[in-house]
Amino acid sequence: MLLFALVLLGVLAGAAVHTSMPVFLLAAGAIAAWLLLFGAREHLPRLRRH
């Protein structure tokens, strides 16, 4: 699993090098927003239980 994650990271980093900066920043912002929403959605039910 770790090897698969490292290979995937290498492929994504290589693809990011070949894109323009605005496209890269837009994709990075979209991924960050999705991760924040996912983290908030997972964390809120835990706060309500305690």
PDB file of N, CA and C in Angstrom:
ATOM      1  N   MET A   1       0.831  -1.192   0.000  1.00  0.00           N
ATOM      2  CA  MET A   1       0.000   0.000   0.000  1.00  0.00           C
ATOM      3  C   MET A   1       0.876   1.258   0.000  1.00  0.00           C
ATOM      4  N   LEU A   2       1.921   1.245   0.775  1.00  0.00           N
ATOM      5  CA  LEU A   2       2.831   2.398   0.821  1.00  0.00           C
ATOM      6  C   LEU A   2       3.499   2.613  -0.532  1.00  0.00           C
ATOM      7  N   LEU A   3       3.895   1.545  -1.180  1.00  0.00           N
ATOM      8  CA  LEU A   3       4.525   1.664  -2.496  1.00  0.00           C
ATOM      9  C   LEU A   3       3.545   2.252  -3.502  1.00  0.00           C
ATOM     10  N   PHE A   4       2.296   1.804  -3.458  1.00  0.00           N
ATOM     11  CA  PHE A   4       1.270   2.333  -4.353  1.00  0.00           C
ATOM     12  C   PHE A   4       1.066   3.832  -4.107  1.00  0.00           C
ATOM     13  N   ALA A   5       1.040   4.241  -2.850  1.00  0.00           N
ATOM     14  CA  ALA A   5       0.863   5.656  -2.516  1.00  0.00           C
ATOM     15  C   ALA A   5       2.041   6.488  -3.023  1.00  0.00           C
ATOM     16  N   LEU A   6       3.249   5.977  -2.899  1.00  0.00           N
ATOM     17  CA  LEU A   6       4.429   6.698  -3.382  1.00  0.00           C
ATOM     18  C   LEU A   6       4.443   6.819  -4.899  1.00  0.00           C
ATOM     19  N   VAL A   7       4.040   5.757  -5.579  1.00  0.00           N
ATOM     20  CA  VAL A   7       3.976   5.807  -7.046  1.00  0.00           C
ATOM     21  C   VAL A   7       2.917   6.806  -7.490  1.00  0.00           C
ATOM     22  N   LEU A   8       1.758   6.778  -6.843  1.00  0.00           N
ATOM     23  CA  LEU A   8       0.696   7.715  -7.181  1.00  0.00           C
ATOM     24  C   LEU A   8       1.126   9.161  -6.918  1.00  0.00           C
ATOM     25  N   LEU A   9       1.822   9.384  -5.822  1.00  0.00           N
ATOM     26  CA  LEU A   9       2.332  10.718  -5.513  1.00  0.00           C
ATOM     27  C   LEU A   9       3.322  11.178  -6.584  1.00  0.00           C
ATOM     28  N   GLY A  10       4.174  10.289  -7.031  1.00  0.00           N
ATOM     29  CA  GLY A  10       5.125  10.626  -8.087  1.00  0.00           C
ATOM     30  C   GLY A  10       4.432  10.975  -9.398  1.00  0.00           C
ATOM     31  N   VAL A  11       3.407  10.218  -9.745  1.00  0.00           N
ATOM     32  CA  VAL A  11       2.662  10.494 -10.976  1.00  0.00           C
ATOM     33  C   VAL A  11       1.958  11.844 -10.878  1.00  0.00           C
ATOM     34  N   LEU A  12       1.311  12.107  -9.744  1.00  0.00           N
ATOM     35  CA  LEU A  12       0.605  13.374  -9.579  1.00  0.00           C
ATOM     36  C   LEU A  12       1.561  14.559  -9.542  1.00  0.00           C
ATOM     37  N   ALA A  13       2.697  14.398  -8.897  1.00  0.00           N
ATOM     38  CA  ALA A  13       3.686  15.480  -8.853  1.00  0.00           C
ATOM     39  C   ALA A  13       4.250  15.734 -10.247  1.00  0.00           C
ATOM     40  N   GLY A  14       4.468  14.686 -11.005  1.00  0.00           N
ATOM     41  CA  GLY A  14       4.955  14.846 -12.376  1.00  0.00           C
ATOM     42  C   GLY A  14       3.936  15.545 -13.254  1.00  0.00           C
ATOM     43  N   ALA A  15       2.664  15.217 -13.065  1.00  0.00           N
ATOM     44  CA  ALA A  15       1.612  15.878 -13.843  1.00  0.00           C
ATOM     45  C   ALA A  15       1.498  17.345 -13.443  1.00  0.00           C
ATOM     46  N   ALA A  16       1.684  17.642 -12.175  1.00  0.00           N
ATOM     47  CA  ALA A  16       1.576  19.025 -11.710  1.00  0.00           C
ATOM     48  C   ALA A  16       2.688  19.895 -12.289  1.00  0.00           C
ATOM     49  N   VAL A  17       3.845  19.319 -12.535  1.00  0.00           N
ATOM     50  CA  VAL A  17       4.965  20.084 -13.087  1.00  0.00           C
ATOM     51  C   VAL A  17       4.651  20.561 -14.505  1.00  0.00           C
ATOM     52  N   HIS A  18       3.855  19.798 -15.237  1.00  0.00           N
ATOM     53  CA  HIS A  18       3.594  20.108 -16.641  1.00  0.00           C
ATOM     54  C   HIS A  18       2.344  20.963 -16.852  1.00  0.00           C
ATOM     55  N   THR A  19       1.673  21.372 -15.792  1.00  0.00           N
ATOM     56  CA  THR A  19       0.511  22.243 -15.941  1.00  0.00           C
ATOM     57  C   THR A  19       0.909  23.684 -15.676  1.00  0.00           C
ATOM     58  N   SER A  20       0.042  24.599 -16.085  1.00  0.00           N
ATOM     59  CA  SER A  20       0.316  26.008 -15.822  1.00  0.00           C
ATOM     60  C   SER A  20       0.003  26.320 -14.360  1.00  0.00           C
ATOM     61  N   MET A  21       0.548  27.404 -13.869  1.00  0.00           N
ATOM     62  CA  MET A  21       0.379  27.772 -12.458  1.00  0.00           C
ATOM     63  C   MET A  21      -1.091  28.017 -12.093  1.00  0.00           C
ATOM     64  N   PRO A  22      -1.883  28.738 -12.895  1.00  0.00           N
ATOM     65  CA  PRO A  22      -3.290  28.925 -12.510  1.00  0.00           C
ATOM     66  C   PRO A  22      -4.077  27.615 -12.414  1.00  0.00           C
ATOM     67  N   VAL A  23      -3.818  26.684 -13.330  1.00  0.00           N
ATOM     68  CA  VAL A  23      -4.506  25.386 -13.283  1.00  0.00           C
ATOM     69  C   VAL A  23      -4.075  24.625 -12.044  1.00  0.00           C
ATOM     70  N   PHE A  24      -2.798  24.658 -11.742  1.00  0.00           N
ATOM     71  CA  PHE A  24      -2.277  23.970 -10.557  1.00  0.00           C
ATOM     72  C   PHE A  24      -2.887  24.551  -9.280  1.00  0.00           C
ATOM     73  N   LEU A  25      -2.951  25.879  -9.189  1.00  0.00           N
ATOM     74  CA  LEU A  25      -3.510  26.514  -7.992  1.00  0.00           C
ATOM     75  C   LEU A  25      -5.006  26.238  -7.856  1.00  0.00           C
ATOM     76  N   LEU A  26      -5.710  26.214  -8.966  1.00  0.00           N
ATOM     77  CA  LEU A  26      -7.143  25.908  -8.930  1.00  0.00           C
ATOM     78  C   LEU A  26      -7.371  24.473  -8.449  1.00  0.00           C
ATOM     79  N   ALA A  27      -6.601  23.541  -8.978  1.00  0.00           N
ATOM     80  CA  ALA A  27      -6.727  22.142  -8.557  1.00  0.00           C
ATOM     81  C   ALA A  27      -6.334  21.975  -7.094  1.00  0.00           C
ATOM     82  N   ALA A  28      -5.275  22.640  -6.671  1.00  0.00           N
ATOM     83  CA  ALA A  28      -4.842  22.552  -5.274  1.00  0.00           C
ATOM     84  C   ALA A  28      -5.896  23.135  -4.344  1.00  0.00           C
ATOM     85  N   GLY A  29      -6.513  24.248  -4.742  1.00  0.00           N
ATOM     86  CA  GLY A  29      -7.583  24.841  -3.943  1.00  0.00           C
ATOM     87  C   GLY A  29      -8.798  23.939  -3.845  1.00  0.00           C
ATOM     88  N   ALA A  30      -9.153  23.294  -4.946  1.00  0.00           N
ATOM     89  CA  ALA A  30     -10.297  22.377  -4.946  1.00  0.00           C
ATOM     90  C   ALA A  30     -10.031  21.180  -4.036  1.00  0.00           C
ATOM     91  N   ILE A  31      -8.830  20.643  -4.096  1.00  0.00           N
ATOM     92  CA  ILE A  31      -8.482  19.499  -3.246  1.00  0.00           C
ATOM     93  C   ILE A  31      -8.464  19.918  -1.781  1.00  0.00           C
ATOM     94  N   ALA A  32      -7.917  21.080  -1.482  1.00  0.00           N
ATOM     95  CA  ALA A  32      -7.880  21.560  -0.097  1.00  0.00           C
ATOM     96  C   ALA A  32      -9.286  21.789   0.440  1.00  0.00           C
ATOM     97  N   ALA A  33     -10.163  22.366  -0.386  1.00  0.00           N
ATOM     98  CA  ALA A  33     -11.548  22.585   0.055  1.00  0.00           C
ATOM     99  C   ALA A  33     -12.249  21.267   0.320  1.00  0.00           C
ATOM    100  N   TRP A  34     -12.035  20.283  -0.563  1.00  0.00           N
ATOM    101  CA  TRP A  34     -12.659  18.979  -0.374  1.00  0.00           C
ATOM    102  C   TRP A  34     -12.146  18.316   0.914  1.00  0.00           C
ATOM    103  N   LEU A  35     -10.858  18.417   1.169  1.00  0.00           N
ATOM    104  CA  LEU A  35     -10.308  17.820   2.385  1.00  0.00           C
ATOM    105  C   LEU A  35     -10.839  18.511   3.646  1.00  0.00           C
ATOM    106  N   LEU A  36     -10.979  19.834   3.601  1.00  0.00           N
ATOM    107  CA  LEU A  36     -11.528  20.557   4.748  1.00  0.00           C
ATOM    108  C   LEU A  36     -12.979  20.165   5.003  1.00  0.00           C
ATOM    109  N   LEU A  37     -13.776  20.076   3.937  1.00  0.00           N
ATOM    110  CA  LEU A  37     -15.176  19.664   4.095  1.00  0.00           C
ATOM    111  C   LEU A  37     -15.280  18.229   4.622  1.00  0.00           C
ATOM    112  N   PHE A  38     -14.447  17.352   4.097  1.00  0.00           N
ATOM    113  CA  PHE A  38     -14.454  15.965   4.557  1.00  0.00           C
ATOM    114  C   PHE A  38     -14.055  15.880   6.024  1.00  0.00           C
ATOM    115  N   GLY A  39     -13.019  16.613   6.404  1.00  0.00           N
ATOM    116  CA  GLY A  39     -12.580  16.595   7.799  1.00  0.00           C
ATOM    117  C   GLY A  39     -13.626  17.157   8.737  1.00  0.00           C
ATOM    118  N   ALA A  40     -14.278  18.240   8.325  1.00  0.00           N
ATOM    119  CA  ALA A  40     -15.326  18.826   9.161  1.00  0.00           C
ATOM    120  C   ALA A  40     -16.505  17.873   9.289  1.00  0.00           C
ATOM    121  N   ARG A  41     -16.874  17.229   8.194  1.00  0.00           N
ATOM    122  CA  ARG A  41     -18.002  16.297   8.227  1.00  0.00           C
ATOM    123  C   ARG A  41     -17.709  15.093   9.123  1.00  0.00           C
ATOM    124  N   GLU A  42     -16.472  14.641   9.124  1.00  0.00           N
ATOM    125  CA  GLU A  42     -16.104  13.507   9.966  1.00  0.00           C
ATOM    126  C   GLU A  42     -15.958  13.913  11.427  1.00  0.00           C
ATOM    127  N   HIS A  43     -15.568  15.149  11.683  1.00  0.00           N
ATOM    128  CA  HIS A  43     -15.277  15.580  13.042  1.00  0.00           C
ATOM    129  C   HIS A  43     -16.523  16.026  13.796  1.00  0.00           C
ATOM    130  N   LEU A  44     -17.488  16.616  13.111  1.00  0.00           N
ATOM    131  CA  LEU A  44     -18.672  17.144  13.789  1.00  0.00           C
ATOM    132  C   LEU A  44     -19.485  16.087  14.528  1.00  0.00           C
ATOM    133  N   PRO A  45     -19.743  14.917  13.959  1.00  0.00           N
ATOM    134  CA  PRO A  45     -20.494  13.910  14.751  1.00  0.00           C
ATOM    135  C   PRO A  45     -19.773  13.474  16.020  1.00  0.00           C
ATOM    136  N   ARG A  46     -18.481  13.496  16.010  1.00  0.00           N
ATOM    137  CA  ARG A  46     -17.718  13.123  17.217  1.00  0.00           C
ATOM    138  C   ARG A  46     -17.894  14.166  18.306  1.00  0.00           C
ATOM    139  N   LEU A  47     -17.974  15.445  17.902  1.00  0.00           N
ATOM    140  CA  LEU A  47     -18.192  16.503  18.892  1.00  0.00           C
ATOM    141  C   LEU A  47     -19.582  16.410  19.499  1.00  0.00           C
ATOM    142  N   ARG A  48     -20.553  16.031  18.717  1.00  0.00           N
ATOM    143  CA  ARG A  48     -21.940  15.942  19.209  1.00  0.00           C
ATOM    144  C   ARG A  48     -22.133  14.780  20.169  1.00  0.00           C
ATOM    145  N   ARG A  49     -21.336  13.718  20.018  1.00  0.00           N
ATOM    146  CA  ARG A  49     -21.455  12.544  20.881  1.00  0.00           C
ATOM    147  C   ARG A  49     -20.931  12.821  22.282  1.00  0.00           C
ATOM    148  N   HIS A  50     -19.943  13.704  22.415  1.00  0.00           N
ATOM    149  CA  HIS A  50     -19.311  13.937  23.718  1.00  0.00           C
ATOM    150  C   HIS A  50     -19.936  15.048  24.463  1.00  0.00           C
TER     151      HIS A  50
END
